[in-house]
């Protein structure tokens, strides 16, 4: 009597396919230091650690950020691009937001590993203290264009700071301008400021003296296609182990950031 036929590739779960191939394909943002830039970063190292927990190798799938998170998730997690690039097995650095997650049917967002927030990096010689935003009526403040920080500062206190607001293409450009002295302060994500300033004694990093920005904090985690249940469970377990044994903290600190537990 013939034995039962072997399961075809179509019958394998996403996790079984990854284990069979020996490769976990991970979507990573381009030009996003210190998380993922030129093959290095927190998300790159963490993706490698997750793959190792599954007993496979990590293969990066690099992509440029779209206009919205919806665009990124569609291209890199559940559908792919029209030219056949993607989707990946896993996407790193996805905002873990309950309201947003409730609206997304095609993906599972889970396993937060870091908490990000807005901060203000300032030149100590020009701004030894900062208790409110009033100095920016006269002193230049850099922000990344099309960011929440830029939108808030353009409208804050009736637009009093518009004239001294300098808009940059990226946070990296804004931080370089701060270090060169072209602006006296930069408003951006704290992780990017910590990485860019690297404990330089000429600068301080504080929470911004604006209640709306001060309250804004968000967790970052993973995204996987929603029906890949076994893969989600395996990655969640792996992330919990990496958090518990201090691996995540060590990776984050290696790039000059403080690990803010989710």
Protein backbone atom coordinates (compact mmCIF):
# COMPACT_ATOMS: atom_id res chain seq x y z
CA UNK A 1 0.00 0.00 0.00
CA UNK A 2 1.41 3.32 -1.05
CA UNK A 3 2.18 5.79 1.72
CA UNK A 4 0.37 9.10 2.08
CA UNK A 5 1.64 11.71 -0.42
CA UNK A 6 4.09 14.28 0.87
CA UNK A 7 2.71 17.75 1.49
CA UNK A 8 3.18 20.06 -1.46
CA UNK A 9 4.77 23.51 -1.16
CA UNK A 10 1.28 25.01 -1.24
CA UNK A 11 0.33 23.01 1.85
CA UNK A 12 3.24 24.28 3.95
CA UNK A 13 2.67 27.11 6.39
CA UNK A 14 4.70 30.31 6.11
CA UNK A 15 6.90 29.20 9.01
CA UNK A 16 7.48 25.77 7.45
CA UNK A 17 8.46 27.39 4.14
CA UNK A 18 10.96 29.62 5.95
CA UNK A 19 12.39 26.65 7.81
CA UNK A 20 12.63 24.63 4.61
CA UNK A 21 14.37 27.42 2.69
CA UNK A 22 16.55 28.40 5.64
CA UNK A 23 15.87 32.09 5.03
CA UNK A 24 13.70 34.73 6.75
CA UNK A 25 13.07 37.64 4.36
CA UNK A 26 12.79 40.91 6.26
CA UNK A 27 11.59 44.27 4.94
CA UNK A 28 13.81 47.13 6.16
CA UNK A 29 13.56 50.86 5.52
CA UNK A 30 16.37 52.47 3.53
CA UNK A 31 18.17 55.60 4.77
CA UNK A 32 16.78 55.34 8.28
CA UNK A 33 19.73 55.57 10.66
CA UNK A 34 20.20 54.42 13.34
CA UNK A 35 17.61 51.71 12.68
CA UNK A 36 18.44 50.65 9.13
CA UNK A 37 20.91 52.39 6.85
CA UNK A 38 23.53 51.07 4.41
CA UNK A 39 23.17 47.54 5.68
CA UNK A 40 23.51 48.38 9.35
CA UNK A 41 21.36 49.46 12.28
CA UNK A 42 19.22 48.42 15.20
CA UNK A 43 16.48 46.85 13.07
CA UNK A 44 19.04 44.99 10.94
CA UNK A 45 20.79 43.47 13.97
CA UNK A 46 17.48 42.64 15.62
CA UNK A 47 16.17 40.98 12.44
CA UNK A 48 19.30 38.82 12.37
CA UNK A 49 18.75 37.87 16.02
CA UNK A 50 15.13 36.93 15.31
CA UNK A 51 16.15 34.80 12.33
CA UNK A 52 18.76 33.03 14.48
CA UNK A 53 16.05 32.20 17.01
CA UNK A 54 14.11 30.51 14.20
CA UNK A 55 17.24 28.63 13.14
CA UNK A 56 17.52 30.38 9.76
CA UNK A 57 19.44 33.22 8.10
CA UNK A 58 18.10 36.74 7.57
CA UNK A 59 17.78 38.15 4.05
CA UNK A 60 17.03 41.91 3.90
CA UNK A 61 14.49 43.36 1.50
CA UNK A 62 15.28 47.09 1.39
CA UNK A 63 12.63 49.64 0.47
CA UNK A 64 11.96 53.37 0.46
CA UNK A 65 9.27 54.67 2.78
CA UNK A 66 5.98 55.38 1.04
CA UNK A 67 3.63 58.26 1.74
CA UNK A 68 1.81 56.31 4.45
CA UNK A 69 2.29 53.23 6.63
CA UNK A 70 -0.58 51.66 4.68
CA UNK A 71 1.52 51.90 1.51
CA UNK A 72 4.51 50.28 3.21
CA UNK A 73 2.49 47.42 4.67
CA UNK A 74 0.75 46.76 1.37
CA UNK A 75 4.01 46.63 -0.59
CA UNK A 76 6.16 44.81 1.92
CA UNK A 77 3.87 42.57 4.00
CA UNK A 78 0.68 41.40 2.33
CA UNK A 79 0.69 42.15 -1.40
CA UNK A 80 4.02 43.18 -2.89
CA UNK A 81 4.71 45.70 -5.64
CA UNK A 82 3.38 45.59 -9.24
CA UNK A 83 6.88 44.63 -10.43
CA UNK A 84 7.06 41.65 -8.08
CA UNK A 85 9.27 43.13 -5.35
CA UNK A 86 8.04 41.70 -2.07
CA UNK A 87 6.23 40.89 0.01
CA UNK A 88 8.66 39.91 2.78
CA UNK A 89 8.02 37.41 5.56
CA UNK A 90 8.39 40.15 8.15
CA UNK A 91 8.59 43.94 8.31
CA UNK A 92 10.52 45.80 11.00
CA UNK A 93 9.82 49.16 12.66
CA UNK A 94 6.03 49.32 12.46
CA UNK A 95 4.11 51.64 14.82
CA UNK A 96 2.20 49.58 17.40
CA UNK A 97 -0.92 51.71 17.71
CA UNK A 98 -4.18 50.14 18.85
CA UNK A 99 -6.46 52.45 16.89
CA UNK A 100 -4.48 51.94 13.70
CA UNK A 101 -4.20 48.19 14.25
CA UNK A 102 -7.98 47.92 14.57
CA UNK A 103 -8.36 49.29 11.04
CA UNK A 104 -5.80 47.00 9.38
CA UNK A 105 -7.21 43.64 8.30
CA UNK A 106 -4.42 42.22 6.19
CA UNK A 107 -1.54 42.34 8.69
CA UNK A 108 -0.79 41.53 12.30
CA UNK A 109 1.23 44.22 14.12
CA UNK A 110 2.78 42.84 17.30
CA UNK A 111 5.90 42.28 19.46
CA UNK A 112 6.89 45.87 20.35
CA UNK A 113 10.61 46.18 21.07
CA UNK A 114 11.30 49.90 21.58
CA UNK A 115 9.45 53.09 22.47
CA UNK A 116 10.07 56.28 20.55
CA UNK A 117 9.09 59.89 21.28
CA UNK A 118 9.76 63.46 20.21
CA UNK A 119 12.69 65.31 21.71
CA UNK A 120 14.57 68.54 21.23
CA UNK A 121 18.33 68.65 20.74
CA UNK A 122 19.84 72.04 21.57
CA UNK A 123 23.18 73.78 21.50
CA UNK A 124 24.07 74.49 25.13
CA UNK A 125 26.08 77.63 24.39
CA UNK A 126 23.14 79.28 22.64
CA UNK A 127 20.43 77.72 24.80
CA UNK A 128 21.77 76.77 28.26
CA UNK A 129 18.20 76.16 29.44
CA UNK A 130 14.87 75.78 27.69
CA UNK A 131 11.65 76.14 29.65
CA UNK A 132 9.33 77.17 26.81
CA UNK A 133 9.31 77.80 23.06
CA UNK A 134 9.71 81.58 23.24
CA UNK A 135 13.45 81.59 22.32
CA UNK A 136 12.49 80.33 18.86
CA UNK A 137 10.93 83.64 18.00
CA UNK A 138 14.55 84.79 17.54
CA UNK A 139 16.64 81.59 17.31
CA UNK A 140 16.52 79.05 14.49
CA UNK A 141 14.91 75.64 15.00
CA UNK A 142 15.34 72.77 12.54
CA UNK A 143 12.66 70.16 11.79
CA UNK A 144 12.17 67.42 9.25
CA UNK A 145 9.67 68.39 6.56
CA UNK A 146 6.22 66.76 6.52
CA UNK A 147 6.67 65.50 10.08
CA UNK A 148 4.31 65.96 13.00
CA UNK A 149 6.96 68.10 14.67
CA UNK A 150 7.02 70.47 11.70
CA UNK A 151 3.23 70.72 11.61
CA UNK A 152 3.01 71.47 15.33
CA UNK A 153 5.75 74.10 15.22
CA UNK A 154 4.27 75.85 12.19
CA UNK A 155 1.00 76.39 14.06
CA UNK A 156 2.21 76.58 17.69
CA UNK A 157 1.21 79.73 19.60
CA UNK A 158 -0.51 81.23 16.59
CA UNK A 159 2.46 80.69 14.26
CA UNK A 160 4.92 82.76 16.31
CA UNK A 161 7.86 80.54 15.37
CA UNK A 162 7.34 80.25 11.60
CA UNK A 163 9.96 82.83 10.66
CA UNK A 164 12.76 81.00 12.47
CA UNK A 165 11.68 77.49 11.53
CA UNK A 166 14.03 75.76 9.09
CA UNK A 167 12.66 72.77 7.20
CA UNK A 168 15.04 69.95 6.22
CA UNK A 169 14.60 66.97 3.92
CA UNK A 170 15.53 64.55 6.71
CA UNK A 171 16.30 64.47 10.42
CA UNK A 172 19.88 63.60 9.54
CA UNK A 173 20.22 66.85 7.55
CA UNK A 174 18.70 68.82 10.44
CA UNK A 175 21.10 67.26 12.96
CA UNK A 176 24.10 68.00 10.72
CA UNK A 177 22.94 71.61 10.59
CA UNK A 178 22.73 71.69 14.39
CA UNK A 179 26.27 70.34 14.72
CA UNK A 180 27.58 72.90 12.25
CA UNK A 181 25.88 75.77 14.10
CA UNK A 182 23.47 76.67 11.30
CA UNK A 183 20.56 76.11 13.70
CA UNK A 184 20.62 76.17 17.51
CA UNK A 185 18.11 73.36 18.03
CA UNK A 186 16.41 70.46 16.26
CA UNK A 187 13.04 68.88 16.99
CA UNK A 188 12.83 65.21 16.02
CA UNK A 189 12.62 61.63 17.19
CA UNK A 190 14.74 61.07 20.27
CA UNK A 191 16.47 58.00 18.87
CA UNK A 192 17.69 59.89 15.81
CA UNK A 193 18.92 62.76 17.99
CA UNK A 194 20.75 60.38 20.36
CA UNK A 195 22.42 58.65 17.43
CA UNK A 196 23.32 61.87 15.63
CA UNK A 197 24.71 63.71 18.66
CA UNK A 198 26.38 60.69 20.33
CA UNK A 199 26.63 62.31 23.79
CA UNK A 200 28.49 65.32 22.38
CA UNK A 201 28.95 67.60 25.45
CA UNK A 202 28.08 70.68 23.38
CA UNK A 203 24.46 69.57 23.16
CA UNK A 204 21.57 68.50 25.36
CA UNK A 205 18.51 66.43 24.50
CA UNK A 206 15.26 67.20 26.33
CA UNK A 207 11.58 66.51 25.98
CA UNK A 208 10.09 69.44 24.02
CA UNK A 209 8.43 72.23 26.04
CA UNK A 210 5.15 71.68 24.20
CA UNK A 211 2.46 69.56 25.80
CA UNK A 212 1.21 68.01 22.55
CA UNK A 213 4.68 66.89 21.48
CA UNK A 214 5.69 65.86 25.01
CA UNK A 215 2.74 63.49 25.24
CA UNK A 216 3.40 61.83 21.88
CA UNK A 217 5.09 58.48 22.40
CA UNK A 218 4.72 55.34 20.35
CA UNK A 219 5.95 51.76 20.37
CA UNK A 220 7.59 50.10 17.39
CA UNK A 221 7.25 46.44 16.57
CA UNK A 222 6.84 43.84 13.83
CA UNK A 223 4.30 43.22 11.06
CA UNK A 224 3.44 39.90 9.41
CA UNK A 225 0.62 38.85 7.09
CA UNK A 226 -2.33 38.18 9.38
CA UNK A 227 -2.99 34.56 8.37
CA UNK A 228 0.60 33.43 9.07
CA UNK A 229 -0.38 32.40 12.59
CA UNK A 230 2.51 30.01 13.32
CA UNK A 231 5.10 32.53 12.14
CA UNK A 232 3.55 35.26 14.30
CA UNK A 233 3.66 33.01 17.38
CA UNK A 234 7.28 32.00 16.72
CA UNK A 235 8.43 35.58 16.21
CA UNK A 236 6.57 36.82 19.27
CA UNK A 237 8.19 34.13 21.38
CA UNK A 238 11.60 34.96 19.91
CA UNK A 239 11.18 38.68 20.60
CA UNK A 240 10.11 38.00 24.19
CA UNK A 241 13.29 35.97 24.70
CA UNK A 242 15.47 38.70 23.16
CA UNK A 243 13.89 41.30 25.43
CA UNK A 244 14.21 39.12 28.51
CA UNK A 245 17.87 38.22 28.02
CA UNK A 246 18.92 41.81 27.32
CA UNK A 247 19.76 41.32 23.63
CA UNK A 248 17.44 44.11 22.48
CA UNK A 249 18.87 46.53 25.03
CA UNK A 250 22.45 45.67 23.99
CA UNK A 251 21.66 46.19 20.31
CA UNK A 252 19.97 49.55 20.94
CA UNK A 253 22.76 50.78 23.20
CA UNK A 254 25.41 49.71 20.68
CA UNK A 255 24.12 52.50 18.41
CA UNK A 256 24.24 55.13 21.13
CA UNK A 257 20.55 55.10 22.09
CA UNK A 258 18.85 54.54 25.41
CA UNK A 259 16.55 51.54 25.20
CA UNK A 260 13.07 52.66 26.17
CA UNK A 261 11.12 49.52 27.08
CA UNK A 262 7.78 49.24 25.24
